[in-house]
Amino acid sequence: THIRDPRDIMFLFACLAIGISCGASVFT
C-alpha cells in the first residue's frame, strides 16, 4: 500500500507504538 503523505506514516507509527505499549502493560 502506497502512503503518499509522510504525516500519515507518523500517525500509523504512533498507533503501532501505542499498541506495543499496551501489549507490554506499560499503560502510563
mmCIF file of all heavy atoms, coordinates in Angstrom:
data_MODEL
# 
_entry.id   MODEL 
# 
loop_
_atom_site.group_PDB 
_atom_site.id 
_atom_site.type_symbol 
_atom_site.label_atom_id 
_atom_site.label_alt_id 
_atom_site.label_comp_id 
_atom_site.label_asym_id 
_atom_site.label_entity_id 
_atom_site.label_seq_id 
_atom_site.pdbx_PDB_ins_code 
_atom_site.Cartn_x 
_atom_site.Cartn_y 
_atom_site.Cartn_z 
_atom_site.occupancy 
_atom_site.B_iso_or_equiv 
_atom_site.pdbx_formal_charge 
_atom_site.auth_seq_id 
_atom_site.auth_comp_id 
_atom_site.auth_asym_id 
_atom_site.auth_atom_id 
_atom_site.pdbx_PDB_model_num 
ATOM 1   N N   . THR A 1 1  ? 0.839  -1.191 0.000  1.00 0.00 ? 1  THR A N   1 
ATOM 2   C CA  . THR A 1 1  ? 0.000  0.000  0.000  1.00 0.00 ? 1  THR A CA  1 
ATOM 3   C C   . THR A 1 1  ? 0.874  1.242  0.000  1.00 0.00 ? 1  THR A C   1 
ATOM 4   O O   . THR A 1 1  ? 1.765  1.393  0.849  1.00 0.00 ? 1  THR A O   1 
ATOM 5   C CB  . THR A 1 1  ? -0.924 0.016  1.228  1.00 0.00 ? 1  THR A CB  1 
ATOM 6   O OG1 . THR A 1 1  ? -1.725 -1.166 1.217  1.00 0.00 ? 1  THR A OG1 1 
ATOM 7   C CG2 . THR A 1 1  ? -1.829 1.237  1.202  1.00 0.00 ? 1  THR A CG2 1 
ATOM 8   N N   . HIS A 1 2  ? 0.595  2.155  -0.936 1.00 0.00 ? 2  HIS A N   1 
ATOM 9   C CA  . HIS A 1 2  ? 1.393  3.368  -1.058 1.00 0.00 ? 2  HIS A CA  1 
ATOM 10  C C   . HIS A 1 2  ? 0.799  4.452  -0.164 1.00 0.00 ? 2  HIS A C   1 
ATOM 11  O O   . HIS A 1 2  ? -0.379 4.794  -0.276 1.00 0.00 ? 2  HIS A O   1 
ATOM 12  C CB  . HIS A 1 2  ? 1.415  3.837  -2.517 1.00 0.00 ? 2  HIS A CB  1 
ATOM 13  C CG  . HIS A 1 2  ? 2.117  5.149  -2.700 1.00 0.00 ? 2  HIS A CG  1 
ATOM 14  N ND1 . HIS A 1 2  ? 3.469  5.299  -2.507 1.00 0.00 ? 2  HIS A ND1 1 
ATOM 15  C CD2 . HIS A 1 2  ? 1.642  6.369  -3.049 1.00 0.00 ? 2  HIS A CD2 1 
ATOM 16  C CE1 . HIS A 1 2  ? 3.809  6.552  -2.746 1.00 0.00 ? 2  HIS A CE1 1 
ATOM 17  N NE2 . HIS A 1 2  ? 2.716  7.222  -3.063 1.00 0.00 ? 2  HIS A NE2 1 
ATOM 18  N N   . ILE A 1 3  ? 1.615  5.001  0.751  1.00 0.00 ? 3  ILE A N   1 
ATOM 19  C CA  . ILE A 1 3  ? 1.212  6.107  1.607  1.00 0.00 ? 3  ILE A CA  1 
ATOM 20  C C   . ILE A 1 3  ? 1.942  7.351  1.124  1.00 0.00 ? 3  ILE A C   1 
ATOM 21  O O   . ILE A 1 3  ? 3.165  7.460  1.242  1.00 0.00 ? 3  ILE A O   1 
ATOM 22  C CB  . ILE A 1 3  ? 1.524  5.823  3.085  1.00 0.00 ? 3  ILE A CB  1 
ATOM 23  C CG1 . ILE A 1 3  ? 0.790  4.557  3.534  1.00 0.00 ? 3  ILE A CG1 1 
ATOM 24  C CG2 . ILE A 1 3  ? 1.132  6.995  3.963  1.00 0.00 ? 3  ILE A CG2 1 
ATOM 25  C CD1 . ILE A 1 3  ? 1.067  4.163  4.966  1.00 0.00 ? 3  ILE A CD1 1 
ATOM 26  N N   . ARG A 1 4  ? 1.188  8.309  0.571  1.00 0.00 ? 4  ARG A N   1 
ATOM 27  C CA  . ARG A 1 4  ? 1.791  9.466  -0.073 1.00 0.00 ? 4  ARG A CA  1 
ATOM 28  C C   . ARG A 1 4  ? 2.283  10.513 0.921  1.00 0.00 ? 4  ARG A C   1 
ATOM 29  O O   . ARG A 1 4  ? 3.330  11.127 0.714  1.00 0.00 ? 4  ARG A O   1 
ATOM 30  C CB  . ARG A 1 4  ? 0.768  10.092 -1.024 1.00 0.00 ? 4  ARG A CB  1 
ATOM 31  C CG  . ARG A 1 4  ? 1.269  11.326 -1.764 1.00 0.00 ? 4  ARG A CG  1 
ATOM 32  C CD  . ARG A 1 4  ? 0.216  11.823 -2.722 1.00 0.00 ? 4  ARG A CD  1 
ATOM 33  N NE  . ARG A 1 4  ? -1.025 12.123 -2.027 1.00 0.00 ? 4  ARG A NE  1 
ATOM 34  C CZ  . ARG A 1 4  ? -2.123 12.535 -2.637 1.00 0.00 ? 4  ARG A CZ  1 
ATOM 35  N NH1 . ARG A 1 4  ? -2.134 12.671 -3.949 1.00 0.00 ? 4  ARG A NH1 1 
ATOM 36  N NH2 . ARG A 1 4  ? -3.214 12.794 -1.942 1.00 0.00 ? 4  ARG A NH2 1 
ATOM 37  N N   . ASP A 1 5  ? 1.541  10.726 2.002  1.00 0.00 ? 5  ASP A N   1 
ATOM 38  C CA  . ASP A 1 5  ? 1.848  11.794 2.935  1.00 0.00 ? 5  ASP A CA  1 
ATOM 39  C C   . ASP A 1 5  ? 2.709  11.262 4.076  1.00 0.00 ? 5  ASP A C   1 
ATOM 40  O O   . ASP A 1 5  ? 2.311  10.316 4.758  1.00 0.00 ? 5  ASP A O   1 
ATOM 41  C CB  . ASP A 1 5  ? 0.545  12.383 3.484  1.00 0.00 ? 5  ASP A CB  1 
ATOM 42  C CG  . ASP A 1 5  ? 0.772  13.701 4.210  1.00 0.00 ? 5  ASP A CG  1 
ATOM 43  O OD1 . ASP A 1 5  ? 1.938  14.028 4.484  1.00 0.00 ? 5  ASP A OD1 1 
ATOM 44  O OD2 . ASP A 1 5  ? -0.222 14.403 4.491  1.00 0.00 ? 5  ASP A OD2 1 
ATOM 45  N N   . PRO A 1 6  ? 3.895  11.836 4.328  1.00 0.00 ? 6  PRO A N   1 
ATOM 46  C CA  . PRO A 1 6  ? 4.719  11.379 5.459  1.00 0.00 ? 6  PRO A CA  1 
ATOM 47  C C   . PRO A 1 6  ? 4.008  11.536 6.797  1.00 0.00 ? 6  PRO A C   1 
ATOM 48  O O   . PRO A 1 6  ? 4.278  10.782 7.733  1.00 0.00 ? 6  PRO A O   1 
ATOM 49  C CB  . PRO A 1 6  ? 5.963  12.277 5.373  1.00 0.00 ? 6  PRO A CB  1 
ATOM 50  C CG  . PRO A 1 6  ? 6.011  12.732 3.946  1.00 0.00 ? 6  PRO A CG  1 
ATOM 51  C CD  . PRO A 1 6  ? 4.583  12.840 3.517  1.00 0.00 ? 6  PRO A CD  1 
ATOM 52  N N   . ARG A 1 7  ? 3.097  12.493 6.894  1.00 0.00 ? 7  ARG A N   1 
ATOM 53  C CA  . ARG A 1 7  ? 2.342  12.679 8.137  1.00 0.00 ? 7  ARG A CA  1 
ATOM 54  C C   . ARG A 1 7  ? 1.482  11.456 8.444  1.00 0.00 ? 7  ARG A C   1 
ATOM 55  O O   . ARG A 1 7  ? 1.328  11.083 9.611  1.00 0.00 ? 7  ARG A O   1 
ATOM 56  C CB  . ARG A 1 7  ? 1.476  13.930 8.008  1.00 0.00 ? 7  ARG A CB  1 
ATOM 57  C CG  . ARG A 1 7  ? 0.667  14.268 9.245  1.00 0.00 ? 7  ARG A CG  1 
ATOM 58  C CD  . ARG A 1 7  ? -0.056 15.586 9.039  1.00 0.00 ? 7  ARG A CD  1 
ATOM 59  N NE  . ARG A 1 7  ? -0.887 15.907 10.176 1.00 0.00 ? 7  ARG A NE  1 
ATOM 60  C CZ  . ARG A 1 7  ? -2.146 15.504 10.318 1.00 0.00 ? 7  ARG A CZ  1 
ATOM 61  N NH1 . ARG A 1 7  ? -2.703 14.753 9.374  1.00 0.00 ? 7  ARG A NH1 1 
ATOM 62  N NH2 . ARG A 1 7  ? -2.858 15.844 11.373 1.00 0.00 ? 7  ARG A NH2 1 
ATOM 63  N N   . ASP A 1 8  ? 0.917  10.838 7.423  1.00 0.00 ? 8  ASP A N   1 
ATOM 64  C CA  . ASP A 1 8  ? 0.121  9.628  7.629  1.00 0.00 ? 8  ASP A CA  1 
ATOM 65  C C   . ASP A 1 8  ? 0.978  8.500  8.194  1.00 0.00 ? 8  ASP A C   1 
ATOM 66  O O   . ASP A 1 8  ? 0.518  7.719  9.035  1.00 0.00 ? 8  ASP A O   1 
ATOM 67  C CB  . ASP A 1 8  ? -0.520 9.187  6.314  1.00 0.00 ? 8  ASP A CB  1 
ATOM 68  C CG  . ASP A 1 8  ? -1.535 10.194 5.800  1.00 0.00 ? 8  ASP A CG  1 
ATOM 69  O OD1 . ASP A 1 8  ? -1.888 11.117 6.550  1.00 0.00 ? 8  ASP A OD1 1 
ATOM 70  O OD2 . ASP A 1 8  ? -1.964 10.064 4.640  1.00 0.00 ? 8  ASP A OD2 1 
ATOM 71  N N   . ILE A 1 9  ? 2.220  8.414  7.735  1.00 0.00 ? 9  ILE A N   1 
ATOM 72  C CA  . ILE A 1 9  ? 3.121  7.376  8.236  1.00 0.00 ? 9  ILE A CA  1 
ATOM 73  C C   . ILE A 1 9  ? 3.397  7.587  9.722  1.00 0.00 ? 9  ILE A C   1 
ATOM 74  O O   . ILE A 1 9  ? 3.449  6.629  10.504 1.00 0.00 ? 9  ILE A O   1 
ATOM 75  C CB  . ILE A 1 9  ? 4.431  7.369  7.423  1.00 0.00 ? 9  ILE A CB  1 
ATOM 76  C CG1 . ILE A 1 9  ? 4.145  7.094  5.940  1.00 0.00 ? 9  ILE A CG1 1 
ATOM 77  C CG2 . ILE A 1 9  ? 5.407  6.338  7.974  1.00 0.00 ? 9  ILE A CG2 1 
ATOM 78  C CD1 . ILE A 1 9  ? 5.369  7.144  5.069  1.00 0.00 ? 9  ILE A CD1 1 
ATOM 79  N N   . MET A 1 10 ? 3.563  8.854  10.141 1.00 0.00 ? 10 MET A N   1 
ATOM 80  C CA  . MET A 1 10 ? 3.828  9.136  11.545 1.00 0.00 ? 10 MET A CA  1 
ATOM 81  C C   . MET A 1 10 ? 2.642  8.747  12.425 1.00 0.00 ? 10 MET A C   1 
ATOM 82  O O   . MET A 1 10 ? 2.817  8.196  13.521 1.00 0.00 ? 10 MET A O   1 
ATOM 83  C CB  . MET A 1 10 ? 4.158  10.621 11.730 1.00 0.00 ? 10 MET A CB  1 
ATOM 84  C CG  . MET A 1 10 ? 5.460  11.064 11.078 1.00 0.00 ? 10 MET A CG  1 
ATOM 85  S SD  . MET A 1 10 ? 6.904  10.247 11.780 1.00 0.00 ? 10 MET A SD  1 
ATOM 86  C CE  . MET A 1 10 ? 7.235  8.991  10.517 1.00 0.00 ? 10 MET A CE  1 
ATOM 87  N N   . PHE A 1 11 ? 1.422  9.009  11.974 1.00 0.00 ? 11 PHE A N   1 
ATOM 88  C CA  . PHE A 1 11 ? 0.250  8.627  12.749 1.00 0.00 ? 11 PHE A CA  1 
ATOM 89  C C   . PHE A 1 11 ? 0.124  7.105  12.829 1.00 0.00 ? 11 PHE A C   1 
ATOM 90  O O   . PHE A 1 11 ? -0.239 6.561  13.878 1.00 0.00 ? 11 PHE A O   1 
ATOM 91  C CB  . PHE A 1 11 ? -1.008 9.241  12.142 1.00 0.00 ? 11 PHE A CB  1 
ATOM 92  C CG  . PHE A 1 11 ? -1.347 10.593 12.693 1.00 0.00 ? 11 PHE A CG  1 
ATOM 93  C CD1 . PHE A 1 11 ? -0.802 11.738 12.139 1.00 0.00 ? 11 PHE A CD1 1 
ATOM 94  C CD2 . PHE A 1 11 ? -2.208 10.726 13.767 1.00 0.00 ? 11 PHE A CD2 1 
ATOM 95  C CE1 . PHE A 1 11 ? -1.095 12.984 12.647 1.00 0.00 ? 11 PHE A CE1 1 
ATOM 96  C CE2 . PHE A 1 11 ? -2.521 11.962 14.285 1.00 0.00 ? 11 PHE A CE2 1 
ATOM 97  C CZ  . PHE A 1 11 ? -1.962 13.105 13.725 1.00 0.00 ? 11 PHE A CZ  1 
ATOM 98  N N   . LEU A 1 12 ? 0.404  6.433  11.732 1.00 0.00 ? 12 LEU A N   1 
ATOM 99  C CA  . LEU A 1 12 ? 0.349  4.972  11.746 1.00 0.00 ? 12 LEU A CA  1 
ATOM 100 C C   . LEU A 1 12 ? 1.410  4.394  12.678 1.00 0.00 ? 12 LEU A C   1 
ATOM 101 O O   . LEU A 1 12 ? 1.141  3.462  13.449 1.00 0.00 ? 12 LEU A O   1 
ATOM 102 C CB  . LEU A 1 12 ? 0.538  4.443  10.323 1.00 0.00 ? 12 LEU A CB  1 
ATOM 103 C CG  . LEU A 1 12 ? 0.428  2.929  10.126 1.00 0.00 ? 12 LEU A CG  1 
ATOM 104 C CD1 . LEU A 1 12 ? -0.936 2.427  10.589 1.00 0.00 ? 12 LEU A CD1 1 
ATOM 105 C CD2 . LEU A 1 12 ? 0.659  2.559  8.668  1.00 0.00 ? 12 LEU A CD2 1 
ATOM 106 N N   . PHE A 1 13 ? 2.603  4.963  12.640 1.00 0.00 ? 13 PHE A N   1 
ATOM 107 C CA  . PHE A 1 13 ? 3.668  4.509  13.529 1.00 0.00 ? 13 PHE A CA  1 
ATOM 108 C C   . PHE A 1 13 ? 3.309  4.783  14.988 1.00 0.00 ? 13 PHE A C   1 
ATOM 109 O O   . PHE A 1 13 ? 3.619  3.979  15.884 1.00 0.00 ? 13 PHE A O   1 
ATOM 110 C CB  . PHE A 1 13 ? 4.981  5.207  13.165 1.00 0.00 ? 13 PHE A CB  1 
ATOM 111 C CG  . PHE A 1 13 ? 6.166  4.734  13.943 1.00 0.00 ? 13 PHE A CG  1 
ATOM 112 C CD1 . PHE A 1 13 ? 6.747  3.509  13.679 1.00 0.00 ? 13 PHE A CD1 1 
ATOM 113 C CD2 . PHE A 1 13 ? 6.701  5.517  14.949 1.00 0.00 ? 13 PHE A CD2 1 
ATOM 114 C CE1 . PHE A 1 13 ? 7.838  3.067  14.408 1.00 0.00 ? 13 PHE A CE1 1 
ATOM 115 C CE2 . PHE A 1 13 ? 7.790  5.088  15.683 1.00 0.00 ? 13 PHE A CE2 1 
ATOM 116 C CZ  . PHE A 1 13 ? 8.362  3.858  15.409 1.00 0.00 ? 13 PHE A CZ  1 
ATOM 117 N N   . ALA A 1 14 ? 2.645  5.917  15.257 1.00 0.00 ? 14 ALA A N   1 
ATOM 118 C CA  . ALA A 1 14 ? 2.234  6.236  16.627 1.00 0.00 ? 14 ALA A CA  1 
ATOM 119 C C   . ALA A 1 14 ? 1.212  5.228  17.147 1.00 0.00 ? 14 ALA A C   1 
ATOM 120 O O   . ALA A 1 14 ? 1.270  4.814  18.313 1.00 0.00 ? 14 ALA A O   1 
ATOM 121 C CB  . ALA A 1 14 ? 1.659  7.652  16.681 1.00 0.00 ? 14 ALA A CB  1 
ATOM 122 N N   . CYS A 1 15 ? 0.262  4.827  16.302 1.00 0.00 ? 15 CYS A N   1 
ATOM 123 C CA  . CYS A 1 15 ? -0.717 3.823  16.718 1.00 0.00 ? 15 CYS A CA  1 
ATOM 124 C C   . CYS A 1 15 ? -0.048 2.485  17.020 1.00 0.00 ? 15 CYS A C   1 
ATOM 125 O O   . CYS A 1 15 ? -0.412 1.790  17.982 1.00 0.00 ? 15 CYS A O   1 
ATOM 126 C CB  . CYS A 1 15 ? -1.786 3.656  15.642 1.00 0.00 ? 15 CYS A CB  1 
ATOM 127 S SG  . CYS A 1 15 ? -2.974 5.013  15.566 1.00 0.00 ? 15 CYS A SG  1 
ATOM 128 N N   . LEU A 1 16 ? 0.934  2.113  16.219 1.00 0.00 ? 16 LEU A N   1 
ATOM 129 C CA  . LEU A 1 16 ? 1.661  0.867  16.490 1.00 0.00 ? 16 LEU A CA  1 
ATOM 130 C C   . LEU A 1 16 ? 2.427  0.965  17.808 1.00 0.00 ? 16 LEU A C   1 
ATOM 131 O O   . LEU A 1 16 ? 2.488  0.000  18.579 1.00 0.00 ? 16 LEU A O   1 
ATOM 132 C CB  . LEU A 1 16 ? 2.616  0.567  15.336 1.00 0.00 ? 16 LEU A CB  1 
ATOM 133 C CG  . LEU A 1 16 ? 1.971  0.278  13.981 1.00 0.00 ? 16 LEU A CG  1 
ATOM 134 C CD1 . LEU A 1 16 ? 3.040  0.038  12.924 1.00 0.00 ? 16 LEU A CD1 1 
ATOM 135 C CD2 . LEU A 1 16 ? 1.035  -0.922 14.060 1.00 0.00 ? 16 LEU A CD2 1 
ATOM 136 N N   . ALA A 1 17 ? 3.017  2.138  18.087 1.00 0.00 ? 17 ALA A N   1 
ATOM 137 C CA  . ALA A 1 17 ? 3.735  2.322  19.347 1.00 0.00 ? 17 ALA A CA  1 
ATOM 138 C C   . ALA A 1 17 ? 2.786  2.244  20.538 1.00 0.00 ? 17 ALA A C   1 
ATOM 139 O O   . ALA A 1 17 ? 3.127  1.674  21.585 1.00 0.00 ? 17 ALA A O   1 
ATOM 140 C CB  . ALA A 1 17 ? 4.464  3.668  19.331 1.00 0.00 ? 17 ALA A CB  1 
ATOM 141 N N   . ILE A 1 18 ? 1.590  2.795  20.388 1.00 0.00 ? 18 ILE A N   1 
ATOM 142 C CA  . ILE A 1 18 ? 0.594  2.705  21.460 1.00 0.00 ? 18 ILE A CA  1 
ATOM 143 C C   . ILE A 1 18 ? 0.197  1.253  21.701 1.00 0.00 ? 18 ILE A C   1 
ATOM 144 O O   . ILE A 1 18 ? 0.086  0.788  22.834 1.00 0.00 ? 18 ILE A O   1 
ATOM 145 C CB  . ILE A 1 18 ? -0.630 3.553  21.105 1.00 0.00 ? 18 ILE A CB  1 
ATOM 146 C CG1 . ILE A 1 18 ? -0.264 5.032  21.114 1.00 0.00 ? 18 ILE A CG1 1 
ATOM 147 C CG2 . ILE A 1 18 ? -1.772 3.290  22.083 1.00 0.00 ? 18 ILE A CG2 1 
ATOM 148 C CD1 . ILE A 1 18 ? -1.354 5.926  20.581 1.00 0.00 ? 18 ILE A CD1 1 
ATOM 149 N N   . GLY A 1 19 ? -0.008 0.516  20.615 1.00 0.00 ? 19 GLY A N   1 
ATOM 150 C CA  . GLY A 1 19 ? -0.363 -0.894 20.755 1.00 0.00 ? 19 GLY A CA  1 
ATOM 151 C C   . GLY A 1 19 ? 0.727  -1.700 21.432 1.00 0.00 ? 19 GLY A C   1 
ATOM 152 O O   . GLY A 1 19 ? 0.443  -2.569 22.267 1.00 0.00 ? 19 GLY A O   1 
ATOM 153 N N   . ILE A 1 20 ? 1.975  -1.416 21.089 1.00 0.00 ? 20 ILE A N   1 
ATOM 154 C CA  . ILE A 1 20 ? 3.093  -2.131 21.716 1.00 0.00 ? 20 ILE A CA  1 
ATOM 155 C C   . ILE A 1 20 ? 3.158  -1.815 23.210 1.00 0.00 ? 20 ILE A C   1 
ATOM 156 O O   . ILE A 1 20 ? 3.373  -2.706 24.051 1.00 0.00 ? 20 ILE A O   1 
ATOM 157 C CB  . ILE A 1 20 ? 4.409  -1.762 21.017 1.00 0.00 ? 20 ILE A CB  1 
ATOM 158 C CG1 . ILE A 1 20 ? 4.416  -2.317 19.587 1.00 0.00 ? 20 ILE A CG1 1 
ATOM 159 C CG2 . ILE A 1 20 ? 5.612  -2.283 21.798 1.00 0.00 ? 20 ILE A CG2 1 
ATOM 160 C CD1 . ILE A 1 20 ? 5.599  -1.871 18.765 1.00 0.00 ? 20 ILE A CD1 1 
ATOM 161 N N   . SER A 1 21 ? 2.944  -0.539 23.560 1.00 0.00 ? 21 SER A N   1 
ATOM 162 C CA  . SER A 1 21 ? 2.979  -0.161 24.974 1.00 0.00 ? 21 SER A CA  1 
ATOM 163 C C   . SER A 1 21 ? 1.864  -0.841 25.760 1.00 0.00 ? 21 SER A C   1 
ATOM 164 O O   . SER A 1 21 ? 2.074  -1.313 26.884 1.00 0.00 ? 21 SER A O   1 
ATOM 165 C CB  . SER A 1 21 ? 2.865  1.362  25.105 1.00 0.00 ? 21 SER A CB  1 
ATOM 166 O OG  . SER A 1 21 ? 3.923  2.017  24.435 1.00 0.00 ? 21 SER A OG  1 
ATOM 167 N N   . CYS A 1 22 ? 0.669  -0.881 25.176 1.00 0.00 ? 22 CYS A N   1 
ATOM 168 C CA  . CYS A 1 22 ? -0.446 -1.541 25.864 1.00 0.00 ? 22 CYS A CA  1 
ATOM 169 C C   . CYS A 1 22 ? -0.210 -3.045 25.973 1.00 0.00 ? 22 CYS A C   1 
ATOM 170 O O   . CYS A 1 22 ? -0.534 -3.663 26.993 1.00 0.00 ? 22 CYS A O   1 
ATOM 171 C CB  . CYS A 1 22 ? -1.755 -1.253 25.133 1.00 0.00 ? 22 CYS A CB  1 
ATOM 172 S SG  . CYS A 1 22 ? -2.284 0.477  25.204 1.00 0.00 ? 22 CYS A SG  1 
ATOM 173 N N   . GLY A 1 23 ? 0.328  -3.650 24.938 1.00 0.00 ? 23 GLY A N   1 
ATOM 174 C CA  . GLY A 1 23 ? 0.604  -5.075 24.984 1.00 0.00 ? 23 GLY A CA  1 
ATOM 175 C C   . GLY A 1 23 ? 1.649  -5.434 26.014 1.00 0.00 ? 23 GLY A C   1 
ATOM 176 O O   . GLY A 1 23 ? 1.613  -6.518 26.605 1.00 0.00 ? 23 GLY A O   1 
ATOM 177 N N   . ALA A 1 24 ? 2.591  -4.514 26.254 1.00 0.00 ? 24 ALA A N   1 
ATOM 178 C CA  . ALA A 1 24 ? 3.615  -4.745 27.272 1.00 0.00 ? 24 ALA A CA  1 
ATOM 179 C C   . ALA A 1 24 ? 3.169  -4.298 28.654 1.00 0.00 ? 24 ALA A C   1 
ATOM 180 O O   . ALA A 1 24 ? 3.971  -4.312 29.604 1.00 0.00 ? 24 ALA A O   1 
ATOM 181 C CB  . ALA A 1 24 ? 4.897  -4.012 26.887 1.00 0.00 ? 24 ALA A CB  1 
ATOM 182 N N   . SER A 1 25 ? 1.893  -3.870 28.782 1.00 0.00 ? 25 SER A N   1 
ATOM 183 C CA  . SER A 1 25 ? 1.304  -3.422 30.055 1.00 0.00 ? 25 SER A CA  1 
ATOM 184 C C   . SER A 1 25 ? 1.978  -2.180 30.607 1.00 0.00 ? 25 SER A C   1 
ATOM 185 O O   . SER A 1 25 ? 1.978  -1.947 31.817 1.00 0.00 ? 25 SER A O   1 
ATOM 186 C CB  . SER A 1 25 ? 1.352  -4.552 31.103 1.00 0.00 ? 25 SER A CB  1 
ATOM 187 O OG  . SER A 1 25 ? 0.609  -5.676 30.658 1.00 0.00 ? 25 SER A OG  1 
ATOM 188 N N   . VAL A 1 26 ? 2.563  -1.361 29.719 1.00 0.00 ? 26 VAL A N   1 
ATOM 189 C CA  . VAL A 1 26 ? 3.142  -0.079 30.143 1.00 0.00 ? 26 VAL A CA  1 
ATOM 190 C C   . VAL A 1 26 ? 2.100  0.998  29.839 1.00 0.00 ? 26 VAL A C   1 
ATOM 191 O O   . VAL A 1 26 ? 2.263  1.807  28.919 1.00 0.00 ? 26 VAL A O   1 
ATOM 192 C CB  . VAL A 1 26 ? 4.480  0.190  29.419 1.00 0.00 ? 26 VAL A CB  1 
ATOM 193 C CG1 . VAL A 1 26 ? 5.210  1.355  30.067 1.00 0.00 ? 26 VAL A CG1 1 
ATOM 194 C CG2 . VAL A 1 26 ? 5.356  -1.037 29.433 1.00 0.00 ? 26 VAL A CG2 1 
ATOM 195 N N   . PHE A 1 27 ? 1.036  1.013  30.606 1.00 0.00 ? 27 PHE A N   1 
ATOM 196 C CA  . PHE A 1 27 ? -0.105 1.872  30.294 1.00 0.00 ? 27 PHE A CA  1 
ATOM 197 C C   . PHE A 1 27 ? 0.210  3.353  30.518 1.00 0.00 ? 27 PHE A C   1 
ATOM 198 O O   . PHE A 1 27 ? -0.334 4.211  29.841 1.00 0.00 ? 27 PHE A O   1 
ATOM 199 C CB  . PHE A 1 27 ? -1.316 1.461  31.136 1.00 0.00 ? 27 PHE A CB  1 
ATOM 200 C CG  . PHE A 1 27 ? -1.781 0.061  30.855 1.00 0.00 ? 27 PHE A CG  1 
ATOM 201 C CD1 . PHE A 1 27 ? -1.675 -0.924 31.821 1.00 0.00 ? 27 PHE A CD1 1 
ATOM 202 C CD2 . PHE A 1 27 ? -2.309 -0.278 29.622 1.00 0.00 ? 27 PHE A CD2 1 
ATOM 203 C CE1 . PHE A 1 27 ? -2.105 -2.218 31.575 1.00 0.00 ? 27 PHE A CE1 1 
ATOM 204 C CE2 . PHE A 1 27 ? -2.737 -1.572 29.355 1.00 0.00 ? 27 PHE A CE2 1 
ATOM 205 C CZ  . PHE A 1 27 ? -2.630 -2.541 30.336 1.00 0.00 ? 27 PHE A CZ  1 
ATOM 206 N N   . THR A 1 28 ? 1.071  3.642  31.480 1.00 0.00 ? 28 THR A N   1 
ATOM 207 C CA  . THR A 1 28 ? 1.421  5.044  31.728 1.00 0.00 ? 28 THR A CA  1 
ATOM 208 C C   . THR A 1 28 ? 2.116  5.656  30.516 1.00 0.00 ? 28 THR A C   1 
ATOM 209 O O   . THR A 1 28 ? 1.804  6.782  30.099 1.00 0.00 ? 28 THR A O   1 
ATOM 210 C CB  . THR A 1 28 ? 2.325  5.161  32.969 1.00 0.00 ? 28 THR A CB  1 
ATOM 211 O OG1 . THR A 1 28 ? 1.667  4.590  34.094 1.00 0.00 ? 28 THR A OG1 1 
ATOM 212 C CG2 . THR A 1 28 ? 2.641  6.618  33.259 1.00 0.00 ? 28 THR A CG2 1 
# 
